Amino acid sequence: MNVMNSVTKPHERLAELLANEMADVNALIRERMTSEHAPRIPEVTAHLVEAGGKRLRPMLTLATAKMCGYTGPYHVHLAATVEFIHTATLLHDDVVDESAKRRGRPTANLLWDNKSSVLVGDYLFARSFQLMTDTGNLRVLRILSNAAATIAEGEVLQLTAAQDLKTSEKTYLQVVRGKTAALFSAATEVGGVIADRPEEEIQALFDYGDALGIAFQIVDDLLDYWGGDATGKNIGDDFRERKLTLPLIKAYAAANDEERAFWKRVIEKGDQRDGDLERALELLNTHGALEATRQEALSWTAKAKTAMEILPQSEMRDLLIDLNDYVVARVT
């Protein structure tokens, strides 16, 4: 069955099973994003937090903790921590990328200003660390603080690799592990840690989140060239922003001299003209870059599924496995 066409998609079923816990997470987020002295903080935060989104990352923390038999209250704190870190990175990303829209709405930096977005993002990072310490668990503090550092490292690496056609697939993977997979793997790993599961299970949860996060980002990058009305993405946004993603890296590696000159003009020099996107799509298809990228995403989802095999069978485990198919469903 095509997961996109199934009656209840895996993330929707997860949301149903975790509805009570997610309500607690949302209440905690609203409580901790307040500020007595700076009302702009909750204004900016609410604009992004309440804009929708699947809340996939905090649900991963709740789901893995529940799957591992955790019965205490602190998985809610950790899920809120994960969402605060994610929201902070989005606020910073929109400033760095000079974005005007997110989730179909004007970005905070557009409605307010860059200074507000950066400082509120910093505030949310600080709040996330307060939430971590509430658990009294030094290991989860280490995991999530390491993830926050890795995310920042990945973003800086992306800055240095942007528009550089010498960027390799290895460097691309480092960027993806930083900007996306680090928070996925931390979200799943802490669920096992808080439940005090055996080390091999905690490692499996980390490996699952890492592979799922990589597949998630590869699919997102692929959809920029493989998009359409059903995906909610505009074809060519990354191309116009000169982002060096996996499809383009693969196409450039296979290009002849004339094609490489084209890529250097439109990506490195930023000299884009009418018809260049169509030419780019033609080259991506000619060299099989889109299909190769799709296969890479499928390979990572297979790794995520394999990682989960050592966990005890349960409905929650099966839903997390099915979530992989949902992530890649838009390109299958």
Foldseek 3Di string as FASTA:
>chain_A
DQLVPDPAHLLRVLCVVCVVLVVLLVVVLLVLQDDPPDRVSSVQLCVPVVLDDSLVLLSLLVLLLVLLPNDDNLSSLLSNLLVLLVQLVVLLVCLVLVDQDDSRHGHSCVVPNNVSSNVSSVSSNVSSLVSVVVLVDVVLSVLSVVLSVLLVVLVVLQVVCFLPLVDAVVSLLSSQCNNWLSSQLSSQLVSCVSSVHDPLLSVLSSLLSNLLSSLLVLLVVLCLCVPDPVVPHHNCPCQLSLRDHQLNSQLCVPDDPVVVVLNCCCRNVVPDDPPSSVVVSVSSVVRVSSVVSLVVSVVSLVSSLVSLVVRDDDPSSVSSNSVSSVSSSVPD
